C-alpha atoms as a PDB file:
ATOM      1  CA  UNK A   1      22.282  10.076   0.408  1.00  0.00           C
ATOM      2  CA  UNK A   2      24.809   7.443  -0.471  1.00  0.00           C
ATOM      3  CA  UNK A   3      26.526   7.387  -3.834  1.00  0.00           C
ATOM      4  CA  UNK A   4      25.333   4.188  -5.496  1.00  0.00           C
ATOM      5  CA  UNK A   5      24.853   5.934  -8.823  1.00  0.00           C
ATOM      6  CA  UNK A   6      26.829   3.386 -10.875  1.00  0.00           C
ATOM      7  CA  UNK A   7      23.769   1.090 -10.919  1.00  0.00           C
ATOM      8  CA  UNK A   8      21.249   3.894 -10.649  1.00  0.00           C
ATOM      9  CA  UNK A   9      18.390   4.680 -12.976  1.00  0.00           C
ATOM     10  CA  UNK A  10      16.076   7.668 -13.185  1.00  0.00           C
ATOM     11  CA  UNK A  11      12.386   6.878 -12.748  1.00  0.00           C
ATOM     12  CA  UNK A  12       9.080   8.713 -12.769  1.00  0.00           C
ATOM     13  CA  UNK A  13       5.874   7.419 -11.247  1.00  0.00           C
ATOM     14  CA  UNK A  14       2.683   9.415 -11.143  1.00  0.00           C
ATOM     15  CA  UNK A  15      -0.974  10.058 -11.661  1.00  0.00           C
ATOM     16  CA  UNK A  16      -2.646  12.752 -13.700  1.00  0.00           C
ATOM     17  CA  UNK A  17      -6.057  13.886 -14.935  1.00  0.00           C
ATOM     18  CA  UNK A  18      -6.212  10.901 -17.299  1.00  0.00           C
ATOM     19  CA  UNK A  19      -5.222   8.170 -14.844  1.00  0.00           C
ATOM     20  CA  UNK A  20      -6.956   9.194 -11.603  1.00  0.00           C
ATOM     21  CA  UNK A  21     -10.200  10.960 -10.702  1.00  0.00           C
ATOM     22  CA  UNK A  22     -10.078  14.381  -9.096  1.00  0.00           C
ATOM     23  CA  UNK A  23     -11.110  12.911  -5.726  1.00  0.00           C
ATOM     24  CA  UNK A  24      -7.896  10.847  -5.603  1.00  0.00           C
ATOM     25  CA  UNK A  25      -5.713  13.688  -6.876  1.00  0.00           C
ATOM     26  CA  UNK A  26      -7.136  16.010  -4.212  1.00  0.00           C
ATOM     27  CA  UNK A  27      -6.347  13.494  -1.442  1.00  0.00           C
ATOM     28  CA  UNK A  28      -2.799  13.131  -2.749  1.00  0.00           C
ATOM     29  CA  UNK A  29      -2.132  16.827  -3.209  1.00  0.00           C
ATOM     30  CA  UNK A  30       1.009  18.116  -1.484  1.00  0.00           C
ATOM     31  CA  UNK A  31       1.400  21.795  -0.679  1.00  0.00           C
ATOM     32  CA  UNK A  32       4.526  23.648  -1.754  1.00  0.00           C
ATOM     33  CA  UNK A  33       5.551  24.064   1.893  1.00  0.00           C
ATOM     34  CA  UNK A  34       5.521  20.252   2.355  1.00  0.00           C
ATOM     35  CA  UNK A  35       7.519  19.315  -0.750  1.00  0.00           C
ATOM     36  CA  UNK A  36      10.950  19.395   0.888  1.00  0.00           C
ATOM     37  CA  UNK A  37       9.871  17.198   3.793  1.00  0.00           C
ATOM     38  CA  UNK A  38       8.071  14.746   1.497  1.00  0.00           C
ATOM     39  CA  UNK A  39      11.106  14.440  -0.813  1.00  0.00           C
ATOM     40  CA  UNK A  40      13.241  13.699   2.237  1.00  0.00           C
ATOM     41  CA  UNK A  41      10.887  10.887   3.257  1.00  0.00           C
ATOM     42  CA  UNK A  42      11.803   9.218  -0.033  1.00  0.00           C
ATOM     43  CA  UNK A  43      15.538   9.898  -0.055  1.00  0.00           C
ATOM     44  CA  UNK A  44      15.860   8.819   3.572  1.00  0.00           C
ATOM     45  CA  UNK A  45      15.005   5.320   2.386  1.00  0.00           C
ATOM     46  CA  UNK A  46      18.045   3.254   1.472  1.00  0.00           C
ATOM     47  CA  UNK A  47      16.943   2.383  -2.053  1.00  0.00           C
ATOM     48  CA  UNK A  48      16.132   5.918  -3.252  1.00  0.00           C
ATOM     49  CA  UNK A  49      19.064   8.267  -3.835  1.00  0.00           C
ATOM     50  CA  UNK A  50      17.359  11.418  -5.149  1.00  0.00           C
ATOM     51  CA  UNK A  51      13.807  12.714  -5.507  1.00  0.00           C
ATOM     52  CA  UNK A  52      11.677  15.563  -6.805  1.00  0.00           C
ATOM     53  CA  UNK A  53       7.918  15.697  -6.266  1.00  0.00           C
ATOM     54  CA  UNK A  54       5.648  17.620  -8.622  1.00  0.00           C
ATOM     55  CA  UNK A  55       2.199  18.214  -7.159  1.00  0.00           C
ATOM     56  CA  UNK A  56      -0.374  20.286  -9.040  1.00  0.00           C
ATOM     57  CA  UNK A  57      -4.156  20.214  -9.254  1.00  0.00           C
ATOM     58  CA  UNK A  58      -3.970  17.818 -12.205  1.00  0.00           C
ATOM     59  CA  UNK A  59      -0.987  15.618 -11.358  1.00  0.00           C
ATOM     60  CA  UNK A  60       1.299  14.193  -8.728  1.00  0.00           C
ATOM     61  CA  UNK A  61       4.590  12.797  -9.944  1.00  0.00           C
ATOM     62  CA  UNK A  62       7.698  11.557  -8.210  1.00  0.00           C
ATOM     63  CA  UNK A  63      10.940  11.740 -10.130  1.00  0.00           C
ATOM     64  CA  UNK A  64      13.537   9.635  -8.371  1.00  0.00           C
ATOM     65  CA  UNK A  65      16.858   7.922  -8.740  1.00  0.00           C
ATOM     66  CA  UNK A  66      17.207   4.380  -7.462  1.00  0.00           C
ATOM     67  CA  UNK A  67      19.194   1.250  -8.078  1.00  0.00           C
ATOM     68  CA  UNK A  68      17.741  -0.512 -11.124  1.00  0.00           C
ATOM     69  CA  UNK A  69      16.757  -3.509  -9.002  1.00  0.00           C
ATOM     70  CA  UNK A  70      14.161  -1.383  -7.176  1.00  0.00           C
ATOM     71  CA  UNK A  71      12.122  -0.570 -10.286  1.00  0.00           C
ATOM     72  CA  UNK A  72       9.245  -2.795  -9.178  1.00  0.00           C
ATOM     73  CA  UNK A  73       9.135  -0.975  -5.816  1.00  0.00           C
ATOM     74  CA  UNK A  74       8.376   2.504  -7.162  1.00  0.00           C
ATOM     75  CA  UNK A  75       4.881   2.567  -5.644  1.00  0.00           C
ATOM     76  CA  UNK A  76       6.572   2.481  -2.247  1.00  0.00           C
ATOM     77  CA  UNK A  77       7.548   6.122  -2.799  1.00  0.00           C
ATOM     78  CA  UNK A  78       3.901   7.029  -2.274  1.00  0.00           C
ATOM     79  CA  UNK A  79       3.789   4.903   0.884  1.00  0.00           C
ATOM     80  CA  UNK A  80       6.749   6.868   2.267  1.00  0.00           C
ATOM     81  CA  UNK A  81       5.232  10.217   1.308  1.00  0.00           C
ATOM     82  CA  UNK A  82       1.762   9.530   2.707  1.00  0.00           C
ATOM     83  CA  UNK A  83       2.797   7.088   5.464  1.00  0.00           C
ATOM     84  CA  UNK A  84       0.046   4.818   4.223  1.00  0.00           C
ATOM     85  CA  UNK A  85      -0.560   2.157   1.610  1.00  0.00           C
ATOM     86  CA  UNK A  86      -4.014   3.569   0.775  1.00  0.00           C
ATOM     87  CA  UNK A  87      -2.711   4.553  -2.647  1.00  0.00           C
ATOM     88  CA  UNK A  88      -0.898   1.332  -3.533  1.00  0.00           C
ATOM     89  CA  UNK A  89      -3.461  -0.075  -5.986  1.00  0.00           C
ATOM     90  CA  UNK A  90      -3.863   2.914  -8.266  1.00  0.00           C
ATOM     91  CA  UNK A  91      -3.184   2.997 -11.995  1.00  0.00           C
ATOM     92  CA  UNK A  92       0.181   4.779 -11.888  1.00  0.00           C
ATOM     93  CA  UNK A  93       2.099   5.507 -15.034  1.00  0.00           C
ATOM     94  CA  UNK A  94       5.805   4.726 -14.832  1.00  0.00           C
ATOM     95  CA  UNK A  95       8.777   5.755 -16.893  1.00  0.00           C
ATOM     96  CA  UNK A  96      12.469   4.979 -16.667  1.00  0.00           C
ATOM     97  CA  UNK A  97      15.641   6.268 -18.265  1.00  0.00           C
ATOM     98  CA  UNK A  98      15.127   8.111 -21.538  1.00  0.00           C
ATOM     99  CA  UNK A  99      11.332   7.760 -21.196  1.00  0.00           C
ATOM    100  CA  UNK A 100      11.474  10.011 -18.105  1.00  0.00           C
ATOM    101  CA  UNK A 101      13.127  12.794 -20.085  1.00  0.00           C
ATOM    102  CA  UNK A 102      10.626  12.457 -22.928  1.00  0.00           C
ATOM    103  CA  UNK A 103       7.740  12.561 -20.452  1.00  0.00           C
ATOM    104  CA  UNK A 104       9.222  15.564 -18.639  1.00  0.00           C
ATOM    105  CA  UNK A 105       9.523  17.446 -21.941  1.00  0.00           C
ATOM    106  CA  UNK A 106       5.864  16.719 -22.769  1.00  0.00           C
ATOM    107  CA  UNK A 107       4.785  17.860 -19.305  1.00  0.00           C
ATOM    108  CA  UNK A 108       6.936  21.002 -19.334  1.00  0.00           C
ATOM    109  CA  UNK A 109       5.622  22.041 -22.752  1.00  0.00           C
ATOM    110  CA  UNK A 110       2.025  21.582 -21.671  1.00  0.00           C
ATOM    111  CA  UNK A 111       1.457  18.694 -24.088  1.00  0.00           C
ATOM    112  CA  UNK A 112       0.418  16.398 -21.234  1.00  0.00           C
ATOM    113  CA  UNK A 113      -1.894  18.949 -19.630  1.00  0.00           C
ATOM    114  CA  UNK A 114      -5.656  19.016 -19.346  1.00  0.00           C
ATOM    115  CA  UNK A 115      -5.547  22.266 -21.328  1.00  0.00           C
ATOM    116  CA  UNK A 116      -3.150  21.585 -24.186  1.00  0.00           C
ATOM    117  CA  UNK A 117      -0.236  24.007 -24.210  1.00  0.00           C
ATOM    118  CA  UNK A 118      -0.881  25.579 -20.811  1.00  0.00           C
ATOM    119  CA  UNK A 119       2.238  27.335 -19.546  1.00  0.00           C
ATOM    120  CA  UNK A 120       1.860  27.327 -15.754  1.00  0.00           C
ATOM    121  CA  UNK A 121       3.235  23.786 -15.466  1.00  0.00           C
ATOM    122  CA  UNK A 122       6.737  24.859 -16.525  1.00  0.00           C
ATOM    123  CA  UNK A 123       6.985  27.195 -13.539  1.00  0.00           C
ATOM    124  CA  UNK A 124       5.605  24.494 -11.253  1.00  0.00           C
ATOM    125  CA  UNK A 125       8.263  22.057 -12.461  1.00  0.00           C
ATOM    126  CA  UNK A 126      11.015  24.618 -11.878  1.00  0.00           C
ATOM    127  CA  UNK A 127       9.734  25.356  -8.378  1.00  0.00           C
ATOM    128  CA  UNK A 128       9.484  21.659  -7.445  1.00  0.00           C
ATOM    129  CA  UNK A 129      13.042  21.054  -8.637  1.00  0.00           C
ATOM    130  CA  UNK A 130      14.349  24.141  -6.833  1.00  0.00           C
ATOM    131  CA  UNK A 131      12.766  23.017  -3.553  1.00  0.00           C
ATOM    132  CA  UNK A 132      14.171  19.491  -3.869  1.00  0.00           C
ATOM    133  CA  UNK A 133      17.612  20.790  -4.803  1.00  0.00           C
ATOM    134  CA  UNK A 134      17.829  23.346  -1.997  1.00  0.00           C
ATOM    135  CA  UNK A 135      16.838  20.693   0.554  1.00  0.00           C
ATOM    136  CA  UNK A 136      19.540  18.269  -0.601  1.00  0.00           C
ATOM    137  CA  UNK A 137      17.231  15.772  -2.285  1.00  0.00           C
ATOM    138  CA  UNK A 138      18.901  15.960  -5.692  1.00  0.00           C
ATOM    139  CA  UNK A 139      22.426  15.119  -6.738  1.00  0.00           C
ATOM    140  CA  UNK A 140      24.375  14.492  -9.915  1.00  0.00           C
ATOM    141  CA  UNK A 141      21.694  12.588 -11.821  1.00  0.00           C
ATOM    142  CA  UNK A 142      18.660  14.838 -11.268  1.00  0.00           C
ATOM    143  CA  UNK A 143      20.852  17.940 -11.342  1.00  0.00           C
END
């Protein structure tokens, strides 16, 4: 990872139970044992400096840090992860900057869950971050 953080922005792109049918979410599911490798596929690309992938039965989200000029290229993260552009025309939600933190708080509190207030997601977020951090896919912004 290079240190281009002076022009960097934090982004989130994802799908959940409201934006994609279960058939799509199942095809995009990433096992815990694959998370480190999949994060590295993103951060190995020049434009993406850091990444964390959250993959549960009801959502797949990529939290990443990139130069602001790459905002329109966020869907490419899914191309890197799945080595395919099969998922390029989906209805992804996207957040940047402060919006990412607000979204992450809603997710972590279970307010953005299929079952309002469910608590399992907080542990899943912690695990996804821990895996990304221990594999060198996070740095000063996501840390």
